[in-house]
Structure formats: C-alpha cells, structure tokens
Amino acid sequence: MLFRNLASMDVEESIRGNPIDGVVLLCGCDKTTPSLPMGAASCDLPTIVVSGGPMLNGKYRGADIGSGTNVWSMSESVRAGEMTRPSSWMPNPACPVPPVTA
C-alpha cells in the first residue's frame, strides 16, 4: 500500500507539473493499476487507463519462474553453496514480459 500511494502521488505531481488537457495512463501490475487512476483523479482531468495485462511467467532451465518469487529460492541456493552467483543470476531473464506486437 505504501508504494501504491507513492506512485499515486508521483502521477499526480507529474500531471500537475505539465500543462496538459488530459492523460493516457499505461499500467500493468497490481500496484500501478489502482495507483495511476488515483493520482489522475486528484487532478480532475480527462483520463484513459490502458492496462497491459498481467505479467507472464518466464522460463529458466525449462521451468516456469515468476517475476520475483523465484528470486528468493535462488538466493537461498546461492547462500547454501548449491549454485554460484554467475550461474544463478546471469542467465535469468531480466523481464519475463513478452514483447508487444502490433
């Protein structure tokens, strides 16, 4: 909730700091989806919210990995000596979101 409110305040300040008549907000996760419209509502401007949808799982060594949940298990494996840092962190996808195609 803290970061959602922080993002909302950031959106509000960004909108107020620019001379615009309306905004189109692009969101895509459980924090930005409510926070962007909250910030825009405080400015009382016409707003369109476009959601990119949920983030998809990535693949690592043939297994599905989440966008952040598997990082904890991998970090525990590094601390336990089961994985080395380069073998565990370097080949992981930086962002498991597929590219948008038109």
N, C-alpha and C. Protein backbone atom coordinates (compact mmCIF):
# COMPACT_ATOMS: atom_id res chain seq x y z
N MET A 1 0.82 -1.18 0.00
CA MET A 1 0.00 0.00 0.00
C MET A 1 0.87 1.25 0.00
N LEU A 2 2.01 1.21 0.66
CA LEU A 2 2.90 2.37 0.72
C LEU A 2 3.37 2.76 -0.68
N PHE A 3 3.82 1.78 -1.47
CA PHE A 3 4.34 2.09 -2.80
C PHE A 3 3.23 2.45 -3.77
N ARG A 4 2.04 1.91 -3.56
CA ARG A 4 0.90 2.31 -4.39
C ARG A 4 0.60 3.78 -4.17
N ASN A 5 0.60 4.21 -2.93
CA ASN A 5 0.33 5.62 -2.63
C ASN A 5 1.45 6.52 -3.13
N LEU A 6 2.68 6.06 -3.04
CA LEU A 6 3.81 6.82 -3.55
C LEU A 6 3.70 7.00 -5.06
N ALA A 7 3.34 5.93 -5.77
CA ALA A 7 3.16 6.01 -7.22
C ALA A 7 2.01 6.94 -7.56
N SER A 8 0.95 6.91 -6.77
CA SER A 8 -0.19 7.79 -6.99
C SER A 8 0.22 9.26 -6.85
N MET A 9 1.00 9.56 -5.82
CA MET A 9 1.47 10.93 -5.64
C MET A 9 2.40 11.35 -6.77
N ASP A 10 3.22 10.42 -7.26
CA ASP A 10 4.12 10.72 -8.37
C ASP A 10 3.33 11.06 -9.63
N VAL A 11 2.29 10.28 -9.91
CA VAL A 11 1.45 10.54 -11.08
C VAL A 11 0.77 11.90 -10.94
N GLU A 12 0.24 12.17 -9.77
CA GLU A 12 -0.43 13.46 -9.55
C GLU A 12 0.53 14.62 -9.77
N GLU A 13 1.72 14.55 -9.22
CA GLU A 13 2.69 15.64 -9.38
C GLU A 13 3.16 15.77 -10.82
N SER A 14 3.30 14.65 -11.52
CA SER A 14 3.70 14.70 -12.93
C SER A 14 2.63 15.35 -13.79
N ILE A 15 1.38 15.04 -13.49
CA ILE A 15 0.28 15.65 -14.26
C ILE A 15 0.18 17.13 -13.94
N ARG A 16 0.25 17.49 -12.67
CA ARG A 16 0.14 18.91 -12.28
C ARG A 16 1.33 19.73 -12.78
N GLY A 17 2.47 19.11 -12.94
CA GLY A 17 3.67 19.83 -13.34
C GLY A 17 3.77 20.09 -14.84
N ASN A 18 2.81 19.59 -15.60
CA ASN A 18 2.83 19.77 -17.05
C ASN A 18 1.51 20.36 -17.52
N PRO A 19 1.55 21.31 -18.44
CA PRO A 19 0.31 21.93 -18.92
C PRO A 19 -0.40 21.03 -19.96
N ILE A 20 -1.20 20.10 -19.48
CA ILE A 20 -1.88 19.17 -20.37
C ILE A 20 -3.38 19.21 -20.11
N ASP A 21 -4.15 18.79 -21.12
CA ASP A 21 -5.61 18.81 -21.01
C ASP A 21 -6.20 17.45 -20.67
N GLY A 22 -5.41 16.40 -20.78
CA GLY A 22 -5.87 15.05 -20.48
C GLY A 22 -4.68 14.11 -20.48
N VAL A 23 -4.89 12.91 -19.98
CA VAL A 23 -3.78 11.96 -19.89
C VAL A 23 -4.22 10.57 -20.34
N VAL A 24 -3.26 9.82 -20.88
CA VAL A 24 -3.43 8.40 -21.15
C VAL A 24 -2.42 7.69 -20.27
N LEU A 25 -2.89 6.84 -19.39
CA LEU A 25 -2.03 6.16 -18.43
C LEU A 25 -1.86 4.70 -18.83
N LEU A 26 -0.61 4.24 -18.86
CA LEU A 26 -0.31 2.84 -19.20
C LEU A 26 0.10 2.12 -17.92
N CYS A 27 -0.63 1.07 -17.56
CA CYS A 27 -0.34 0.35 -16.33
C CYS A 27 -0.31 -1.14 -16.62
N GLY A 28 0.18 -1.93 -15.65
CA GLY A 28 0.26 -3.34 -15.94
C GLY A 28 0.49 -4.25 -14.76
N CYS A 29 0.45 -3.76 -13.55
CA CYS A 29 0.63 -4.68 -12.42
C CYS A 29 -0.32 -4.30 -11.30
N ASP A 30 -0.31 -5.07 -10.23
CA ASP A 30 -1.26 -4.85 -9.16
C ASP A 30 -1.03 -3.55 -8.39
N LYS A 31 0.11 -2.91 -8.54
CA LYS A 31 0.35 -1.63 -7.89
C LYS A 31 -0.01 -0.46 -8.80
N THR A 32 0.38 -0.53 -10.07
CA THR A 32 0.15 0.61 -10.95
C THR A 32 -1.30 0.71 -11.42
N THR A 33 -2.01 -0.41 -11.50
CA THR A 33 -3.39 -0.36 -11.98
C THR A 33 -4.26 0.52 -11.09
N PRO A 34 -4.23 0.40 -9.77
CA PRO A 34 -5.03 1.35 -8.97
C PRO A 34 -4.35 2.69 -8.73
N SER A 35 -3.01 2.72 -8.70
CA SER A 35 -2.33 3.96 -8.31
C SER A 35 -2.40 5.04 -9.39
N LEU A 36 -2.30 4.67 -10.65
CA LEU A 36 -2.34 5.68 -11.71
C LEU A 36 -3.68 6.40 -11.77
N PRO A 37 -4.81 5.69 -11.78
CA PRO A 37 -6.09 6.42 -11.77
C PRO A 37 -6.31 7.23 -10.49
N MET A 38 -5.78 6.74 -9.36
CA MET A 38 -5.91 7.50 -8.11
C MET A 38 -5.23 8.86 -8.23
N GLY A 39 -4.01 8.86 -8.79
CA GLY A 39 -3.29 10.12 -8.96
C GLY A 39 -3.96 11.03 -9.95
N ALA A 40 -4.47 10.46 -11.03
CA ALA A 40 -5.15 11.28 -12.04
C ALA A 40 -6.46 11.84 -11.51
N ALA A 41 -7.17 11.08 -10.69
CA ALA A 41 -8.44 11.56 -10.13
C ALA A 41 -8.23 12.79 -9.26
N SER A 42 -7.09 12.88 -8.63
CA SER A 42 -6.80 14.05 -7.78
C SER A 42 -6.61 15.32 -8.61
N CYS A 43 -6.32 15.16 -9.91
CA CYS A 43 -6.08 16.32 -10.78
C CYS A 43 -7.32 16.76 -11.54
N ASP A 44 -8.36 15.93 -11.54
CA ASP A 44 -9.61 16.25 -12.20
C ASP A 44 -9.42 16.57 -13.68
N LEU A 45 -8.72 15.67 -14.38
CA LEU A 45 -8.52 15.79 -15.83
C LEU A 45 -9.12 14.57 -16.52
N PRO A 46 -9.53 14.72 -17.79
CA PRO A 46 -9.96 13.54 -18.53
C PRO A 46 -8.83 12.51 -18.60
N THR A 47 -9.15 11.26 -18.32
CA THR A 47 -8.12 10.22 -18.21
C THR A 47 -8.58 8.94 -18.88
N ILE A 48 -7.66 8.32 -19.60
CA ILE A 48 -7.87 6.99 -20.16
C ILE A 48 -6.80 6.09 -19.56
N VAL A 49 -7.21 4.94 -19.03
CA VAL A 49 -6.27 3.99 -18.45
C VAL A 49 -6.20 2.77 -19.37
N VAL A 50 -4.99 2.43 -19.81
CA VAL A 50 -4.78 1.26 -20.67
C VAL A 50 -3.91 0.27 -19.90
N SER A 51 -4.46 -0.91 -19.68
CA SER A 51 -3.73 -1.94 -18.94
C SER A 51 -3.02 -2.88 -19.90
N GLY A 52 -1.77 -3.18 -19.60
CA GLY A 52 -1.01 -4.12 -20.40
C GLY A 52 -1.31 -5.56 -20.05
N GLY A 53 -2.10 -5.78 -19.03
CA GLY A 53 -2.45 -7.13 -18.61
C GLY A 53 -1.44 -7.69 -17.62
N PRO A 54 -1.67 -8.90 -17.16
CA PRO A 54 -0.77 -9.48 -16.16
C PRO A 54 0.57 -9.87 -16.75
N MET A 55 1.59 -9.86 -15.92
CA MET A 55 2.92 -10.27 -16.34
C MET A 55 2.95 -11.79 -16.45
N LEU A 56 3.50 -12.28 -17.52
CA LEU A 56 3.58 -13.72 -17.74
C LEU A 56 4.81 -14.31 -17.06
N ASN A 57 4.78 -15.60 -16.81
CA ASN A 57 5.93 -16.29 -16.22
C ASN A 57 7.05 -16.41 -17.25
N GLY A 58 8.27 -16.36 -16.75
CA GLY A 58 9.43 -16.58 -17.59
C GLY A 58 9.85 -18.05 -17.52
N LYS A 59 10.86 -18.40 -18.26
CA LYS A 59 11.40 -19.77 -18.25
C LYS A 59 12.86 -19.72 -17.85
N TYR A 60 13.27 -20.66 -17.01
CA TYR A 60 14.67 -20.80 -16.61
C TYR A 60 14.97 -22.28 -16.51
N ARG A 61 15.88 -22.75 -17.35
CA ARG A 61 16.25 -24.16 -17.40
C ARG A 61 15.03 -25.07 -17.53
N GLY A 62 14.08 -24.64 -18.37
CA GLY A 62 12.90 -25.44 -18.66
C GLY A 62 11.77 -25.35 -17.65
N ALA A 63 11.95 -24.60 -16.59
CA ALA A 63 10.91 -24.49 -15.57
C ALA A 63 10.32 -23.08 -15.58
N ASP A 64 9.05 -22.98 -15.23
CA ASP A 64 8.42 -21.67 -15.10
C ASP A 64 8.96 -20.96 -13.88
N ILE A 65 9.25 -19.67 -14.04
CA ILE A 65 9.63 -18.86 -12.88
C ILE A 65 8.76 -17.62 -12.88
N GLY A 66 8.41 -17.16 -11.70
CA GLY A 66 7.61 -15.96 -11.57
C GLY A 66 8.47 -14.72 -11.74
N SER A 67 7.82 -13.58 -11.69
CA SER A 67 8.55 -12.33 -11.91
C SER A 67 9.41 -11.94 -10.71
N GLY A 68 9.19 -12.51 -9.57
CA GLY A 68 10.01 -12.16 -8.41
C GLY A 68 10.07 -13.24 -7.35
N THR A 69 9.11 -14.13 -7.36
CA THR A 69 9.04 -15.12 -6.28
C THR A 69 10.19 -16.11 -6.31
N ASN A 70 10.68 -16.48 -7.49
CA ASN A 70 11.76 -17.45 -7.56
C ASN A 70 13.12 -16.85 -7.22
N VAL A 71 13.20 -15.54 -7.18
CA VAL A 71 14.47 -14.90 -6.82
C VAL A 71 14.87 -15.31 -5.41
N TRP A 72 13.89 -15.42 -4.50
CA TRP A 72 14.20 -15.77 -3.12
C TRP A 72 14.76 -17.18 -3.02
N SER A 73 14.17 -18.13 -3.74
CA SER A 73 14.68 -19.51 -3.66
C SER A 73 16.06 -19.61 -4.30
N MET A 74 16.30 -18.84 -5.37
CA MET A 74 17.63 -18.85 -5.99
C MET A 74 18.67 -18.21 -5.07
N SER A 75 18.29 -17.15 -4.37
CA SER A 75 19.25 -16.52 -3.46
C SER A 75 19.60 -17.44 -2.30
N GLU A 76 18.63 -18.24 -1.84
CA GLU A 76 18.91 -19.22 -0.79
C GLU A 76 19.86 -20.31 -1.29
N SER A 77 19.70 -20.70 -2.56
CA SER A 77 20.59 -21.71 -3.14
C SER A 77 22.02 -21.18 -3.26
N VAL A 78 22.15 -19.90 -3.55
CA VAL A 78 23.48 -19.29 -3.63
C VAL A 78 24.12 -19.27 -2.25
N ARG A 79 23.35 -18.88 -1.23
CA ARG A 79 23.88 -18.82 0.14
C ARG A 79 24.24 -20.21 0.66
N ALA A 80 23.49 -21.23 0.23
CA ALA A 80 23.77 -22.59 0.68
C ALA A 80 24.91 -23.24 -0.10
N GLY A 81 25.41 -22.57 -1.14
CA GLY A 81 26.51 -23.11 -1.93
C GLY A 81 26.07 -24.08 -3.00
N GLU A 82 24.76 -24.20 -3.23
CA GLU A 82 24.25 -25.11 -4.26
C GLU A 82 24.38 -24.51 -5.66
N MET A 83 24.42 -23.21 -5.74
CA MET A 83 24.56 -22.50 -7.02
C MET A 83 25.60 -21.41 -6.84
N THR A 84 26.35 -21.14 -7.90
CA THR A 84 27.25 -20.00 -7.85
C THR A 84 26.50 -18.77 -8.36
N ARG A 85 26.97 -17.63 -7.97
CA ARG A 85 26.27 -16.41 -8.36
C ARG A 85 26.16 -16.25 -9.87
N PRO A 86 27.24 -16.40 -10.65
CA PRO A 86 27.08 -16.22 -12.10
C PRO A 86 26.13 -17.24 -12.73
N SER A 87 26.16 -18.49 -12.27
CA SER A 87 25.29 -19.49 -12.89
C SER A 87 23.83 -19.28 -12.50
N SER A 88 23.57 -18.65 -11.38
CA SER A 88 22.19 -18.48 -10.95
C SER A 88 21.57 -17.17 -11.43
N TRP A 89 22.35 -16.11 -11.49
CA TRP A 89 21.75 -14.81 -11.79
C TRP A 89 21.91 -14.37 -13.23
N MET A 90 23.02 -14.65 -13.86
CA MET A 90 23.27 -14.11 -15.19
C MET A 90 22.32 -14.63 -16.27
N PRO A 91 22.02 -15.94 -16.33
CA PRO A 91 21.16 -16.38 -17.44
C PRO A 91 19.67 -16.13 -17.23
N ASN A 92 19.26 -15.62 -16.08
CA ASN A 92 17.85 -15.40 -15.83
C ASN A 92 17.34 -14.26 -16.71
N PRO A 93 16.11 -14.37 -17.17
CA PRO A 93 15.57 -13.27 -17.97
C PRO A 93 15.39 -12.03 -17.11
N ALA A 94 15.77 -10.90 -17.64
CA ALA A 94 15.65 -9.65 -16.89
C ALA A 94 14.20 -9.27 -16.73
N CYS A 95 13.39 -9.57 -17.72
CA CYS A 95 11.98 -9.23 -17.67
C CYS A 95 11.18 -10.31 -18.40
N PRO A 96 10.36 -11.07 -17.70
CA PRO A 96 9.65 -12.16 -18.36
C PRO A 96 8.42 -11.71 -19.13
N VAL A 97 8.27 -10.43 -19.37
CA VAL A 97 7.12 -9.94 -20.11
C VAL A 97 7.40 -10.07 -21.60
N PRO A 98 6.52 -10.69 -22.35
CA PRO A 98 6.75 -10.83 -23.78
C PRO A 98 6.64 -9.48 -24.48
N PRO A 99 7.32 -9.30 -25.61
CA PRO A 99 7.23 -8.03 -26.32
C PRO A 99 5.83 -7.83 -26.92
N VAL A 100 5.43 -6.60 -27.02
CA VAL A 100 4.12 -6.27 -27.60
C VAL A 100 4.29 -6.25 -29.11
N THR A 101 3.42 -6.95 -29.80
CA THR A 101 3.45 -6.96 -31.26
C THR A 101 2.17 -6.35 -31.79
N ALA A 102 2.30 -5.63 -32.87
CA ALA A 102 1.12 -4.95 -33.44
C ALA A 102 0.35 -5.87 -34.35
